[in-house]
Structure formats: C-alpha cells, structure tokens
Protein backbone atom coordinates (compact mmCIF):
# COMPACT_ATOMS: atom_id res chain seq x y z
CA MET A 1 -8.10 108.29 -104.62
CA LYS A 2 -4.57 108.63 -103.15
CA ILE A 3 -3.98 110.58 -99.89
CA ASP A 4 -0.55 112.32 -100.00
CA PRO A 5 -0.09 114.22 -96.74
CA ILE A 6 3.58 114.95 -97.47
CA HIS A 7 3.08 116.83 -100.76
CA GLN A 8 2.01 119.98 -98.88
CA PHE A 9 5.58 120.36 -97.48
CA ASN A 10 7.34 120.23 -100.88
CA ILE A 11 9.53 123.28 -101.49
CA GLU A 12 8.95 124.38 -105.09
CA PRO A 13 11.10 126.95 -106.97
CA LEU A 14 9.05 129.77 -108.42
CA PHE A 15 11.81 131.50 -110.40
CA THR A 16 15.56 131.54 -110.54
CA LEU A 17 17.55 134.32 -108.99
CA GLY A 18 20.97 133.26 -110.15
CA HIS A 19 23.66 130.57 -109.95
CA ILE A 20 26.63 129.91 -107.65
CA GLY A 21 28.82 127.34 -109.37
CA ASN A 22 26.56 124.37 -110.22
CA HIS A 23 23.97 125.43 -107.70
CA THR A 24 20.77 127.26 -108.60
CA ILE A 25 19.57 130.04 -106.31
CA ALA A 26 15.83 130.07 -106.60
CA PHE A 27 12.95 132.02 -105.10
CA THR A 28 10.69 129.31 -103.59
CA ASN A 29 7.19 129.02 -102.20
CA SER A 30 8.83 129.02 -98.72
CA SER A 31 10.47 132.33 -99.48
CA LEU A 32 7.14 133.72 -100.77
CA TYR A 33 5.29 132.80 -97.60
CA MET A 34 8.03 134.25 -95.44
CA LEU A 35 7.52 137.51 -97.34
CA VAL A 36 3.77 137.17 -96.88
CA ALA A 37 4.20 136.83 -93.16
CA VAL A 38 6.51 139.86 -92.99
CA ALA A 39 4.10 141.85 -95.10
CA ILE A 40 1.13 141.02 -92.92
CA ILE A 41 3.02 141.95 -89.77
CA SER A 42 4.28 145.21 -91.37
CA LEU A 43 0.75 146.19 -92.46
CA LEU A 44 -0.64 145.41 -89.00
CA MET A 45 1.95 147.61 -87.34
CA LEU A 46 1.83 150.46 -89.89
CA ALA A 47 -1.98 150.50 -90.36
CA SER A 48 -2.88 150.15 -86.66
CA GLY A 49 -2.55 153.90 -86.01
CA THR A 50 -2.20 155.75 -82.71
CA GLN A 51 -5.77 156.68 -81.93
CA LEU A 52 -6.85 157.34 -78.32
CA ILE A 53 -9.74 154.89 -78.85
CA PRO A 54 -8.15 151.99 -80.70
CA GLY A 55 -9.80 150.25 -83.62
CA ARG A 56 -9.50 146.54 -84.34
CA LEU A 57 -6.08 146.61 -85.96
CA GLN A 58 -4.67 148.96 -83.31
CA SER A 59 -6.08 146.71 -80.57
CA VAL A 60 -4.42 143.63 -82.02
CA ALA A 61 -1.10 145.48 -82.36
CA GLU A 62 -1.30 146.82 -78.79
CA ILE A 63 -2.30 143.49 -77.35
CA SER A 64 0.54 141.76 -79.23
CA TYR A 65 3.07 144.37 -78.02
CA GLU A 66 1.94 144.20 -74.37
CA PHE A 67 1.76 140.43 -74.42
CA VAL A 68 5.37 140.05 -75.58
CA ALA A 69 6.55 142.86 -73.25
CA SER A 70 4.92 141.30 -70.17
CA THR A 71 6.45 137.89 -71.13
CA ILE A 72 9.92 139.42 -71.27
CA ARG A 73 9.54 141.32 -67.97
CA SER A 74 8.27 138.23 -66.15
CA THR A 75 11.09 135.97 -67.34
CA ALA A 76 14.15 138.17 -68.07
CA GLY A 77 13.33 141.32 -66.00
CA ALA A 78 13.32 144.90 -67.05
CA GLU A 79 16.86 144.53 -68.51
CA GLY A 80 15.53 142.00 -70.91
CA MET A 81 13.48 144.70 -72.68
CA LYS A 82 16.55 145.61 -74.71
CA PHE A 83 15.85 142.41 -76.66
CA PHE A 84 12.16 143.26 -77.21
CA PRO A 85 12.67 143.90 -80.98
CA LEU A 86 14.20 140.46 -81.41
CA ILE A 87 11.63 138.53 -79.37
CA PHE A 88 8.65 140.47 -80.72
CA SER A 89 9.84 139.85 -84.30
CA LEU A 90 10.30 136.10 -83.67
CA PHE A 91 6.90 135.76 -81.90
CA MET A 92 5.00 137.60 -84.63
CA PHE A 93 6.77 135.92 -87.54
CA ILE A 94 6.19 132.41 -86.14
CA CYS A 95 2.61 133.14 -85.14
CA VAL A 96 1.54 134.80 -88.38
CA SER A 97 3.36 132.25 -90.62
CA ASN A 98 1.73 129.35 -88.61
CA LEU A 99 -1.75 130.93 -88.94
CA VAL A 100 -1.32 131.57 -92.66
CA GLY A 101 -0.23 127.96 -93.09
CA ILE A 102 -3.53 126.68 -91.83
CA ILE A 103 -5.39 128.24 -94.79
CA PRO A 104 -5.91 125.39 -97.42
CA TYR A 105 -3.42 125.30 -100.32
CA THR A 106 -0.94 127.56 -98.51
CA PHE A 107 2.51 126.72 -97.23
CA THR A 108 3.63 126.40 -93.62
CA VAL A 109 7.08 127.89 -93.24
CA SER A 110 7.73 126.48 -89.76
CA SER A 111 7.03 122.88 -90.93
CA HIS A 112 10.64 122.78 -92.27
CA LEU A 113 13.44 122.08 -89.88
CA ILE A 114 15.91 124.31 -91.69
CA VAL A 115 13.72 127.40 -90.95
CA THR A 116 13.13 126.61 -87.27
CA ALA A 117 16.82 125.62 -86.86
CA ALA A 118 17.85 128.98 -88.31
CA LEU A 119 15.65 130.86 -85.88
CA ALA A 120 16.90 128.72 -82.94
CA LEU A 121 20.58 129.25 -83.90
CA LEU A 122 19.94 132.99 -84.05
CA VAL A 123 18.72 132.89 -80.45
CA PHE A 124 21.58 130.58 -79.39
CA PHE A 125 24.37 132.74 -80.74
CA THR A 126 22.67 135.94 -79.48
CA VAL A 127 22.69 134.40 -75.99
CA LEU A 128 26.29 133.17 -76.24
CA ILE A 129 27.77 136.42 -77.72
CA TYR A 130 25.86 138.77 -75.49
CA GLY A 131 26.57 136.64 -72.42
CA VAL A 132 30.25 136.57 -72.93
CA ALA A 133 30.48 140.24 -74.01
CA LYS A 134 28.49 141.46 -70.98
CA ASN A 135 29.83 139.09 -68.27
CA GLY A 136 33.13 137.81 -69.53
CA LEU A 137 34.10 134.54 -67.98
CA LYS A 138 31.37 134.93 -65.37
CA PHE A 139 28.89 133.89 -68.03
CA PHE A 140 30.13 130.32 -67.67
CA LYS A 141 28.73 130.29 -64.10
CA ILE A 142 25.56 129.02 -65.73
CA PHE A 143 27.28 125.61 -65.97
CA VAL A 144 27.97 125.52 -62.22
CA PRO A 145 24.74 125.48 -60.25
CA HIS A 146 24.82 126.74 -56.65
CA GLY A 147 24.86 124.26 -53.82
CA VAL A 148 26.05 121.28 -55.77
CA PRO A 149 28.41 118.98 -53.78
CA ILE A 150 31.90 118.95 -55.11
CA TYR A 151 32.02 115.11 -55.71
CA ILE A 152 29.20 115.29 -58.31
CA LEU A 153 30.05 118.72 -59.66
CA PRO A 154 31.92 117.39 -62.76
CA LEU A 155 28.90 115.23 -63.74
CA VAL A 156 26.45 118.15 -63.18
CA MET A 157 28.72 120.45 -65.22
CA PHE A 158 28.80 117.97 -68.11
CA ILE A 159 25.00 117.72 -68.08
CA GLU A 160 24.64 121.54 -67.93
CA ILE A 161 27.11 122.03 -70.88
CA LEU A 162 25.44 119.30 -72.92
CA SER A 163 21.94 120.69 -72.29
CA PHE A 164 23.16 124.22 -73.16
CA PHE A 165 24.48 123.09 -76.60
CA LEU A 166 21.35 121.01 -77.21
CA ARG A 167 19.12 124.03 -76.77
CA PRO A 168 19.00 124.88 -80.47
CA VAL A 169 17.98 121.28 -81.16
CA SER A 170 15.02 121.22 -78.76
CA HIS A 171 14.15 124.85 -79.57
CA SER A 172 13.81 124.12 -83.24
CA VAL A 173 12.52 120.51 -83.27
CA ARG A 174 9.65 121.32 -80.90
CA LEU A 175 8.18 123.91 -83.30
CA PHE A 176 8.95 121.93 -86.48
CA ALA A 177 7.50 118.67 -85.13
CA ASN A 178 4.28 120.17 -83.83
CA MET A 179 3.49 122.01 -87.10
CA LEU A 180 4.48 118.99 -89.16
CA ALA A 181 2.42 116.50 -87.25
CA GLY A 182 -0.64 118.74 -87.06
CA HIS A 183 -0.71 119.40 -90.80
CA ILE A 184 -0.18 115.74 -91.65
CA ALA A 185 -3.19 114.82 -89.45
CA LEU A 186 -5.31 117.52 -91.07
CA LYS A 187 -4.46 116.28 -94.55
CA VAL A 188 -5.14 112.68 -93.73
CA PHE A 189 -8.61 113.32 -92.23
CA ALA A 190 -9.52 115.73 -95.02
CA GLY A 191 -8.35 113.18 -97.54
CA PHE A 192 -10.66 110.58 -95.96
CA VAL A 193 -13.69 112.79 -96.59
CA ALA A 194 -12.87 113.18 -100.30
CA MET A 195 -11.88 109.56 -100.67
CA LEU A 196 -15.11 108.20 -99.15
CA GLY A 197 -17.20 110.62 -101.16
CA PHE A 198 -15.64 109.84 -104.55
CA SER A 199 -15.34 106.12 -104.02
CA LEU A 200 -18.70 105.26 -102.36
CA GLY A 201 -20.93 108.07 -103.60
CA ALA A 202 -23.83 109.20 -101.40
CA VAL A 203 -23.05 106.52 -98.76
CA GLY A 204 -19.46 107.69 -98.73
CA TRP A 205 -20.41 111.32 -98.12
CA ILE A 206 -22.58 110.25 -95.23
CA GLY A 207 -19.79 108.15 -93.85
CA GLY A 208 -17.44 111.13 -94.26
CA VAL A 209 -19.26 113.13 -91.65
CA LEU A 210 -17.01 111.79 -88.88
CA PRO A 211 -13.66 112.52 -90.49
CA LEU A 212 -15.14 115.95 -91.55
CA ALA A 213 -15.98 116.61 -87.92
CA LEU A 214 -12.53 115.55 -86.84
CA THR A 215 -10.99 117.79 -89.53
CA VAL A 216 -12.91 120.84 -88.24
CA ALA A 217 -11.83 119.95 -84.67
CA LEU A 218 -8.25 119.51 -85.69
CA THR A 219 -8.33 122.84 -87.55
CA SER A 220 -9.50 124.60 -84.39
CA LEU A 221 -6.73 122.86 -82.43
CA GLU A 222 -4.17 123.82 -85.02
CA ILE A 223 -5.14 127.45 -84.64
CA LEU A 224 -4.51 127.18 -80.92
CA VAL A 225 -1.21 125.27 -81.45
CA ALA A 226 -0.07 127.96 -84.02
CA PHE A 227 -0.32 130.58 -81.30
CA LEU A 228 1.05 128.33 -78.49
CA GLN A 229 4.13 127.27 -80.46
CA ALA A 230 4.97 130.96 -81.15
CA TYR A 231 4.50 131.70 -77.40
CA VAL A 232 6.64 128.74 -76.38
CA PHE A 233 9.42 129.73 -78.78
CA ALA A 234 9.31 133.30 -77.44
CA ILE A 235 9.25 132.37 -73.76
CA LEU A 236 12.13 129.93 -74.18
CA THR A 237 14.09 132.72 -75.91
CA CYS A 238 13.35 134.96 -72.91
CA ILE A 239 14.51 132.21 -70.44
CA TYR A 240 17.75 131.64 -72.48
CA LEU A 241 18.43 135.43 -72.67
CA ASN A 242 17.96 135.64 -68.91
CA ASP A 243 20.97 133.30 -68.49
CA ALA A 244 23.01 135.82 -70.53
CA ILE A 245 21.75 138.79 -68.53
CA HIS A 246 21.93 137.18 -65.09
CA PRO A 247 24.43 134.22 -65.27
CA GLY A 248 24.38 131.95 -62.30
CA HIS A 249 21.05 133.22 -60.99
C-alpha cells in the first residue's frame, strides 16, 4: 500500500469560470475552502447574538474579539485599534481555515505558499503605505536605531532595510511550513496504520497501535499549532503596524 503524503496538497479545479488568453480561470478546492472558512466566520459572528447572558456561540465570538483587541492594545497601543478589522479578519481566517484543514479529507488553505504570501504582502504594503502616508519621511527612522555609533550605522541600516523587506518572506513561510510539515507527518503516521493492517492482517493491526497513538497525539498538537500559527501571524502583524504608527520608537 503506497503512502502519498503530498496528494492532500494538490489543487484541483472544480469548474471553469472563464478564460484569459490561453489560461483557464477555474474555481478550485482551495477557493472552496476559503469560502467555507469565510462562511463559518460569518455564521459565528451573525448567529452569536447580543444576549446579556451569552450562549456558546456568543461566548466564542466575544472571546475571539477580546483576544484580538487585547493583542493589538498590548503591541500597537490604542491607536492600533483602527486596524482591528484587518487583524481580526486575518486571525479568524487563518485560525478557522487551519482547524477545518485538520478534518480528514478536507483541504488546508494555509499549506500553500501562494496563499500565505498573499496575506503577508497585504500586511507589508499596509504597513508601508500607512507608515509613509502618516509620517512622511519620518517613517524611515525605523531603519536608524537610536544610540548606534556612527561608524557602524551604515551596516546597521543595511541590516534593518534587508530585514524589513524580508518580513513578507518570514511572515508567510512560517505559517506555510508549519502547516505543511504537520499535515505530512499526520498523513505518514496514519498511512502506517493502514499499511500495517492491510499487509500483515491481525498482527499488523496490533503493530499499528503505536503509529495510531502517534497520529492521535499529532492531531492534538496540530489543533494547538493551528491556533498558535494564527496568533503568531496576528501578533507579528501588530508589531509591524506599530512601526508604521510609531516609527523610530
């Protein structure tokens, strides 16, 4: 029995939307699960209600709201709350799509670099455009740290500029790599269980107890990682936006 841990990441066209030149514009499984994530978030927000004594859905919505709001206030200050819709949307989209992707036979949107890179570039250009619009040339003070001796200032500035333009790379690859590696590990261990069972019969099913236990443990870990990666993406977004709001601080 062949174990193919990469097949789960294939993007499959579901139907064709149109053509641009020789290129086909298709609605894919990736597009479908993006819509599923958005639909789940929308239902959570709309169905939560505004009762004085919150129910389960309202509690989840309120906890999510307060969690993101407190994260913004602690990293970007009260002024950073103007970016709450952006950061909340990013956090919820990544978190929900990651959790949906753990369900067997579903698709993990954030396991593709093109998706995470698009989200990271959205944050990068938001920081750059808002920083220049709000602060003018003072925005570029983020490349000149305070207290650096003049004789090493050019080197430090080069490192700061390079790190600034590499932010989208680290921002996107971190999320993509964690989700990709976790799902490959899950598929491999789950494949071992089936392979041992079908090839060795009863002995194989007994021998598959260990990989089954590891699969359950990895699934639990993946649920934690799904939330943590959404949180890391959101808090890095807050930190980057803080540079645009308070350059040079």
